[in-house]
Each structure stands twice: as C-alpha cells, then as structure tokens.
C-alpha cells in the first residue's frame, strides 16, 4: 500500500479519534477534483470543486466514515448531444480499520483480498478512491437533457425538439416502381434534365 500524503485534501486526520471508541468529529471541506470523476459520457471535470461533509466516529475496529459529496457533473445528452449539467449529491459510509484489526478480520473471515478492506495508515484515511466510486455509481449511464428529449433525426441529424413535425418521406426501394406509377411524368422529366 502506498504511503498517504497528509497534505492531500482527500486525506483526513483521525488522530483525535483513534482508539477512543465513541468519539466523533464532524468536518466539511471543499476539495478540487484532481482529474475527471465519472465516466466518458458525464463527469465532474478536473479542477472543479467537490464539497465533502464528513462525520468520523471511532469504533472498536477503526474509524467509521459517513458523509456526503456534492458537485456538478457535465456531459452530453445521449439523445440530442446538447450539454448536460447535473447536480451530484451522494452519500457514503465506510469503515477504515486499524491495521491490526484488518489483519485479524482477514484471518477470521478467510478473506484473501486485502484490497477490499480500507485501512487507516497511521492516523490518516484517504477518501479519494471511495468518493470516486460513490460518484461514478451515482451518475446516469445514459444522461439526457430532459426525460422526454426526442433526440436527433436518424435520417439527417436535425434536432427533433426544434421541429416536432420533422419527418422524411422514405420509400422502401422495393416499392419505388409503384411510386413511379403514381407520378407518371416523373421519368420523362428526369430524362430531360
């Protein structure tokens, strides 16, 4: 495990709480997204502010982190490609175990995967990965500008919201000979031009 950077805005100090079951501390902080938090379609842009409200509670196994994250994600509507701004408001809760408790838990549970257990590193807990996971799972898989967005015309790409009566007369090529019978002068005009 990499050593946590105490200067990182995503790292919180639990020194006042460690090994004091029942102790609690609340804090709020605005951090800057270091890189995109989200998916290719919609995300919180790198450099955008992310508001974090956190309650840290000391329990027998470690420190329980409960909190909320608020930010604005931007992307494109998957139907019409207009810009989409979406308010992100997610909650999270995770136990950061003391190193000795995490090792004991893994032995008792027979858990081979050490990465599944969040651990305190000294008195520090890094919330970046946990917040990233919470944000990504809260974002829509296919964002839309509005629920009833009609999208784009599949024939010409026109925005259907701008012209609700937009349509094309598409004739199945198998029936095109019948269309010529309905308009007899069409073939002669085509030959002259």
C-alpha atoms as a PDB file:
ATOM      1  CA  UNK A   1       0.000   0.000   0.000  1.00  0.00           C
ATOM      2  CA  UNK A   2       1.312   3.441  -0.905  1.00  0.00           C
ATOM      3  CA  UNK A   3       2.013   5.925   1.850  1.00  0.00           C
ATOM      4  CA  UNK A   4      -0.744   8.516   2.116  1.00  0.00           C
ATOM      5  CA  UNK A   5       0.081  12.153   1.578  1.00  0.00           C
ATOM      6  CA  UNK A   6      -1.087  14.055   4.655  1.00  0.00           C
ATOM      7  CA  UNK A   7      -1.167  17.256   2.567  1.00  0.00           C
ATOM      8  CA  UNK A   8      -3.712  15.792   0.108  1.00  0.00           C
ATOM      9  CA  UNK A   9      -7.149  17.387   0.502  1.00  0.00           C
ATOM     10  CA  UNK A  10      -8.684  13.889   0.240  1.00  0.00           C
ATOM     11  CA  UNK A  11      -6.795  12.668   3.343  1.00  0.00           C
ATOM     12  CA  UNK A  12      -8.389  13.225   6.749  1.00  0.00           C
ATOM     13  CA  UNK A  13      -6.594  13.072  10.095  1.00  0.00           C
ATOM     14  CA  UNK A  14      -8.257  10.853  12.710  1.00  0.00           C
ATOM     15  CA  UNK A  15      -5.682  11.435  15.476  1.00  0.00           C
ATOM     16  CA  UNK A  16      -8.301  12.821  17.906  1.00  0.00           C
ATOM     17  CA  UNK A  17     -10.432   9.681  17.481  1.00  0.00           C
ATOM     18  CA  UNK A  18      -8.022   6.761  17.256  1.00  0.00           C
ATOM     19  CA  UNK A  19      -8.615   4.046  19.845  1.00  0.00           C
ATOM     20  CA  UNK A  20     -11.242   6.143  21.655  1.00  0.00           C
ATOM     21  CA  UNK A  21     -14.476   4.258  20.930  1.00  0.00           C
ATOM     22  CA  UNK A  22     -17.491   6.578  20.875  1.00  0.00           C
ATOM     23  CA  UNK A  23     -15.523   9.716  19.982  1.00  0.00           C
ATOM     24  CA  UNK A  24     -16.864  11.644  16.992  1.00  0.00           C
ATOM     25  CA  UNK A  25     -15.686  14.519  14.795  1.00  0.00           C
ATOM     26  CA  UNK A  26     -17.515  16.351  12.003  1.00  0.00           C
ATOM     27  CA  UNK A  27     -15.795  18.337   9.299  1.00  0.00           C
ATOM     28  CA  UNK A  28     -16.535  19.944   5.943  1.00  0.00           C
ATOM     29  CA  UNK A  29     -14.131  20.745   3.170  1.00  0.00           C
ATOM     30  CA  UNK A  30     -14.154  21.788  -0.464  1.00  0.00           C
ATOM     31  CA  UNK A  31     -11.587  19.893  -2.496  1.00  0.00           C
ATOM     32  CA  UNK A  32     -10.597  20.147  -6.138  1.00  0.00           C
ATOM     33  CA  UNK A  33     -11.141  17.170  -8.412  1.00  0.00           C
ATOM     34  CA  UNK A  34      -7.604  16.079  -9.394  1.00  0.00           C
ATOM     35  CA  UNK A  35      -8.851  14.508 -12.612  1.00  0.00           C
ATOM     36  CA  UNK A  36     -12.218  13.544 -14.128  1.00  0.00           C
ATOM     37  CA  UNK A  37     -14.544  11.877 -11.628  1.00  0.00           C
ATOM     38  CA  UNK A  38     -17.067   9.934 -13.667  1.00  0.00           C
ATOM     39  CA  UNK A  39     -17.447   8.223 -16.998  1.00  0.00           C
ATOM     40  CA  UNK A  40     -16.651   9.130 -20.599  1.00  0.00           C
ATOM     41  CA  UNK A  41     -20.224  10.419 -21.022  1.00  0.00           C
ATOM     42  CA  UNK A  42     -20.628  12.534 -17.870  1.00  0.00           C
ATOM     43  CA  UNK A  43     -18.197  13.520 -15.129  1.00  0.00           C
ATOM     44  CA  UNK A  44     -17.026  16.133 -12.661  1.00  0.00           C
ATOM     45  CA  UNK A  45     -14.272  17.927 -14.574  1.00  0.00           C
ATOM     46  CA  UNK A  46     -10.707  18.063 -13.304  1.00  0.00           C
ATOM     47  CA  UNK A  47     -10.264  21.245 -11.287  1.00  0.00           C
ATOM     48  CA  UNK A  48     -13.945  21.578 -10.363  1.00  0.00           C
ATOM     49  CA  UNK A  49     -14.880  21.976  -6.680  1.00  0.00           C
ATOM     50  CA  UNK A  50     -16.202  18.989  -4.736  1.00  0.00           C
ATOM     51  CA  UNK A  51     -17.911  19.652  -1.370  1.00  0.00           C
ATOM     52  CA  UNK A  52     -17.297  16.946   1.249  1.00  0.00           C
ATOM     53  CA  UNK A  53     -19.184  16.760   4.565  1.00  0.00           C
ATOM     54  CA  UNK A  54     -17.759  14.067   6.827  1.00  0.00           C
ATOM     55  CA  UNK A  55     -18.570  12.534  10.181  1.00  0.00           C
ATOM     56  CA  UNK A  56     -15.835  10.329  11.655  1.00  0.00           C
ATOM     57  CA  UNK A  57     -16.765   8.014  14.528  1.00  0.00           C
ATOM     58  CA  UNK A  58     -14.342   5.906  16.490  1.00  0.00           C
ATOM     59  CA  UNK A  59     -15.494   2.296  16.866  1.00  0.00           C
ATOM     60  CA  UNK A  60     -13.745  -0.831  18.194  1.00  0.00           C
ATOM     61  CA  UNK A  61     -12.492  -1.905  14.741  1.00  0.00           C
ATOM     62  CA  UNK A  62     -11.378   1.518  13.481  1.00  0.00           C
ATOM     63  CA  UNK A  63     -12.991   4.764  12.307  1.00  0.00           C
ATOM     64  CA  UNK A  64     -16.388   4.820  10.593  1.00  0.00           C
ATOM     65  CA  UNK A  65     -16.528   7.494   7.867  1.00  0.00           C
ATOM     66  CA  UNK A  66     -20.043   8.688   6.960  1.00  0.00           C
ATOM     67  CA  UNK A  67     -20.576  11.611   4.688  1.00  0.00           C
ATOM     68  CA  UNK A  68     -21.904  13.269   1.584  1.00  0.00           C
ATOM     69  CA  UNK A  69     -20.393  14.674  -1.584  1.00  0.00           C
ATOM     70  CA  UNK A  70     -21.824  17.486  -3.713  1.00  0.00           C
ATOM     71  CA  UNK A  71     -20.566  18.717  -7.059  1.00  0.00           C
ATOM     72  CA  UNK A  72     -21.692  19.434 -10.617  1.00  0.00           C
ATOM     73  CA  UNK A  73     -21.106  16.910 -13.380  1.00  0.00           C
ATOM     74  CA  UNK A  74     -21.110  17.917 -17.020  1.00  0.00           C
ATOM     75  CA  UNK A  75     -21.511  15.890 -20.187  1.00  0.00           C
ATOM     76  CA  UNK A  76     -23.666  15.434 -23.269  1.00  0.00           C
ATOM     77  CA  UNK A  77     -27.224  14.245 -23.711  1.00  0.00           C
ATOM     78  CA  UNK A  78     -27.049  10.815 -25.346  1.00  0.00           C
ATOM     79  CA  UNK A  79     -30.126  11.621 -27.455  1.00  0.00           C
ATOM     80  CA  UNK A  80     -29.524  15.142 -28.828  1.00  0.00           C
ATOM     81  CA  UNK A  81     -25.868  15.822 -27.866  1.00  0.00           C
ATOM     82  CA  UNK A  82     -26.750  19.057 -26.024  1.00  0.00           C
ATOM     83  CA  UNK A  83     -24.694  19.931 -22.960  1.00  0.00           C
ATOM     84  CA  UNK A  84     -25.942  18.466 -19.681  1.00  0.00           C
ATOM     85  CA  UNK A  85     -25.199  19.866 -16.213  1.00  0.00           C
ATOM     86  CA  UNK A  86     -26.229  17.609 -13.366  1.00  0.00           C
ATOM     87  CA  UNK A  87     -26.029  18.191  -9.637  1.00  0.00           C
ATOM     88  CA  UNK A  88     -24.317  15.246  -7.928  1.00  0.00           C
ATOM     89  CA  UNK A  89     -25.312  14.601  -4.323  1.00  0.00           C
ATOM     90  CA  UNK A  90     -24.190  11.215  -2.994  1.00  0.00           C
ATOM     91  CA  UNK A  91     -23.666   9.702   0.416  1.00  0.00           C
ATOM     92  CA  UNK A  92     -21.104   7.170   1.549  1.00  0.00           C
ATOM     93  CA  UNK A  93     -20.232   5.114   4.592  1.00  0.00           C
ATOM     94  CA  UNK A  94     -17.103   3.047   5.069  1.00  0.00           C
ATOM     95  CA  UNK A  95     -15.162   1.550   7.947  1.00  0.00           C
ATOM     96  CA  UNK A  96     -11.450   2.301   7.975  1.00  0.00           C
ATOM     97  CA  UNK A  97      -9.985  -0.471  10.090  1.00  0.00           C
ATOM     98  CA  UNK A  98      -6.952  -0.244  12.326  1.00  0.00           C
ATOM     99  CA  UNK A  99      -4.120  -2.191  10.682  1.00  0.00           C
ATOM    100  CA  UNK A 100      -4.075  -4.882  13.400  1.00  0.00           C
ATOM    101  CA  UNK A 101      -7.901  -5.256  13.292  1.00  0.00           C
ATOM    102  CA  UNK A 102      -7.914  -5.525   9.480  1.00  0.00           C
ATOM    103  CA  UNK A 103      -5.338  -8.341   9.626  1.00  0.00           C
ATOM    104  CA  UNK A 104      -7.356 -10.132  12.336  1.00  0.00           C
ATOM    105  CA  UNK A 105     -10.599  -9.750  10.335  1.00  0.00           C
ATOM    106  CA  UNK A 106      -8.957 -11.215   7.235  1.00  0.00           C
ATOM    107  CA  UNK A 107      -7.702 -14.226   9.198  1.00  0.00           C
ATOM    108  CA  UNK A 108     -11.094 -14.883  10.805  1.00  0.00           C
ATOM    109  CA  UNK A 109     -13.108 -14.360   7.622  1.00  0.00           C
ATOM    110  CA  UNK A 110     -10.558 -16.162   5.479  1.00  0.00           C
ATOM    111  CA  UNK A 111     -10.522 -13.151   3.182  1.00  0.00           C
ATOM    112  CA  UNK A 112      -7.612 -13.346   0.771  1.00  0.00           C
ATOM    113  CA  UNK A 113      -8.182  -9.979  -0.867  1.00  0.00           C
ATOM    114  CA  UNK A 114      -6.540  -7.288   1.224  1.00  0.00           C
ATOM    115  CA  UNK A 115      -7.744  -4.516  -1.126  1.00  0.00           C
ATOM    116  CA  UNK A 116     -11.396  -4.965  -0.034  1.00  0.00           C
ATOM    117  CA  UNK A 117     -10.622  -3.669   3.458  1.00  0.00           C
ATOM    118  CA  UNK A 118      -9.979   0.055   3.877  1.00  0.00           C
ATOM    119  CA  UNK A 119      -7.277   0.625   6.458  1.00  0.00           C
ATOM    120  CA  UNK A 120      -6.077   3.602   8.405  1.00  0.00           C
ATOM    121  CA  UNK A 121      -2.483   4.390   7.666  1.00  0.00           C
ATOM    122  CA  UNK A 122      -1.260   5.683  10.959  1.00  0.00           C
ATOM    123  CA  UNK A 123      -3.910   8.261  11.859  1.00  0.00           C
ATOM    124  CA  UNK A 124      -4.797   9.071   8.253  1.00  0.00           C
ATOM    125  CA  UNK A 125      -7.634   7.947   5.988  1.00  0.00           C
ATOM    126  CA  UNK A 126      -7.718   8.663   2.265  1.00  0.00           C
ATOM    127  CA  UNK A 127     -11.261   9.105   0.912  1.00  0.00           C
ATOM    128  CA  UNK A 128     -10.416   9.792  -2.752  1.00  0.00           C
ATOM    129  CA  UNK A 129     -10.971   6.255  -4.075  1.00  0.00           C
ATOM    130  CA  UNK A 130     -14.143   5.745  -2.036  1.00  0.00           C
ATOM    131  CA  UNK A 131     -15.598   9.108  -3.153  1.00  0.00           C
ATOM    132  CA  UNK A 132     -14.655   8.376  -6.777  1.00  0.00           C
ATOM    133  CA  UNK A 133     -16.538   5.047  -6.583  1.00  0.00           C
ATOM    134  CA  UNK A 134     -19.594   6.696  -4.981  1.00  0.00           C
ATOM    135  CA  UNK A 135     -19.728   9.426  -7.647  1.00  0.00           C
ATOM    136  CA  UNK A 136     -19.269   7.065 -10.609  1.00  0.00           C
ATOM    137  CA  UNK A 137     -22.044   4.729  -9.450  1.00  0.00           C
ATOM    138  CA  UNK A 138     -24.419   7.672  -8.845  1.00  0.00           C
ATOM    139  CA  UNK A 139     -24.045   9.148 -12.325  1.00  0.00           C
ATOM    140  CA  UNK A 140     -26.518   8.060 -15.010  1.00  0.00           C
ATOM    141  CA  UNK A 141     -25.281   5.532 -17.559  1.00  0.00           C
ATOM    142  CA  UNK A 142     -27.040   7.476 -20.326  1.00  0.00           C
ATOM    143  CA  UNK A 143     -27.578  11.127 -19.319  1.00  0.00           C
ATOM    144  CA  UNK A 144     -30.341  13.094 -21.028  1.00  0.00           C
ATOM    145  CA  UNK A 145     -31.033  16.831 -21.080  1.00  0.00           C
ATOM    146  CA  UNK A 146     -34.658  16.102 -20.159  1.00  0.00           C
ATOM    147  CA  UNK A 147     -36.679  12.914 -19.738  1.00  0.00           C
ATOM    148  CA  UNK A 148     -38.747  13.465 -22.884  1.00  0.00           C
ATOM    149  CA  UNK A 149     -35.855  14.521 -25.149  1.00  0.00           C
ATOM    150  CA  UNK A 150     -36.784  13.347 -28.670  1.00  0.00           C
ATOM    151  CA  UNK A 151     -33.148  13.288 -29.824  1.00  0.00           C
ATOM    152  CA  UNK A 152     -31.904  13.714 -33.378  1.00  0.00           C
ATOM    153  CA  UNK A 153     -33.446  12.680 -36.714  1.00  0.00           C
ATOM    154  CA  UNK A 154     -31.904   9.383 -37.791  1.00  0.00           C
ATOM    155  CA  UNK A 155     -32.010  10.491 -41.444  1.00  0.00           C
ATOM    156  CA  UNK A 156     -30.499  13.988 -41.361  1.00  0.00           C
ATOM    157  CA  UNK A 157     -29.408  14.674 -37.757  1.00  0.00           C
ATOM    158  CA  UNK A 158     -31.816  17.579 -37.170  1.00  0.00           C
ATOM    159  CA  UNK A 159     -32.779  18.297 -33.530  1.00  0.00           C
ATOM    160  CA  UNK A 160     -36.322  16.974 -33.179  1.00  0.00           C
ATOM    161  CA  UNK A 161     -37.011  19.287 -30.226  1.00  0.00           C
ATOM    162  CA  UNK A 162     -36.620  22.284 -32.568  1.00  0.00           C
ATOM    163  CA  UNK A 163     -39.046  20.856 -35.150  1.00  0.00           C
ATOM    164  CA  UNK A 164     -41.533  18.381 -33.626  1.00  0.00           C
ATOM    165  CA  UNK A 165     -43.232  17.845 -37.010  1.00  0.00           C
ATOM    166  CA  UNK A 166     -39.956  16.956 -38.743  1.00  0.00           C
ATOM    167  CA  UNK A 167     -40.144  13.846 -40.925  1.00  0.00           C
ATOM    168  CA  UNK A 168     -38.884  12.363 -44.168  1.00  0.00           C
ATOM    169  CA  UNK A 169     -40.930  10.538 -46.787  1.00  0.00           C
ATOM    170  CA  UNK A 170     -38.895   7.398 -47.068  1.00  0.00           C
ATOM    171  CA  UNK A 171     -39.935   4.959 -49.743  1.00  0.00           C
ATOM    172  CA  UNK A 172     -38.868   1.374 -49.423  1.00  0.00           C
ATOM    173  CA  UNK A 173     -36.742   0.665 -52.538  1.00  0.00           C
ATOM    174  CA  UNK A 174     -38.790  -2.472 -53.179  1.00  0.00           C
ATOM    175  CA  UNK A 175     -41.876  -0.284 -53.716  1.00  0.00           C
ATOM    176  CA  UNK A 176     -40.212   2.517 -55.711  1.00  0.00           C
ATOM    177  CA  UNK A 177     -41.618   1.196 -59.028  1.00  0.00           C
ATOM    178  CA  UNK A 178     -45.120   1.718 -57.644  1.00  0.00           C
ATOM    179  CA  UNK A 179     -44.228   5.287 -56.676  1.00  0.00           C
ATOM    180  CA  UNK A 180     -43.270   5.926 -60.337  1.00  0.00           C
ATOM    181  CA  UNK A 181     -46.706   4.661 -61.429  1.00  0.00           C
ATOM    182  CA  UNK A 182     -48.378   7.116 -59.075  1.00  0.00           C
ATOM    183  CA  UNK A 183     -46.499  10.017 -60.736  1.00  0.00           C
ATOM    184  CA  UNK A 184     -46.270   9.136 -64.475  1.00  0.00           C
ATOM    185  CA  UNK A 185     -44.475  12.274 -65.699  1.00  0.00           C
ATOM    186  CA  UNK A 186     -41.555  11.863 -63.332  1.00  0.00           C
ATOM    187  CA  UNK A 187     -39.407   9.539 -65.535  1.00  0.00           C
ATOM    188  CA  UNK A 188     -39.695  11.799 -68.633  1.00  0.00           C
ATOM    189  CA  UNK A 189     -38.735  14.850 -66.580  1.00  0.00           C
ATOM    190  CA  UNK A 190     -35.726  13.020 -65.188  1.00  0.00           C
ATOM    191  CA  UNK A 191     -34.523  12.081 -68.715  1.00  0.00           C
ATOM    192  CA  UNK A 192     -34.787  15.688 -69.933  1.00  0.00           C
ATOM    193  CA  UNK A 193     -32.725  17.045 -67.026  1.00  0.00           C
END
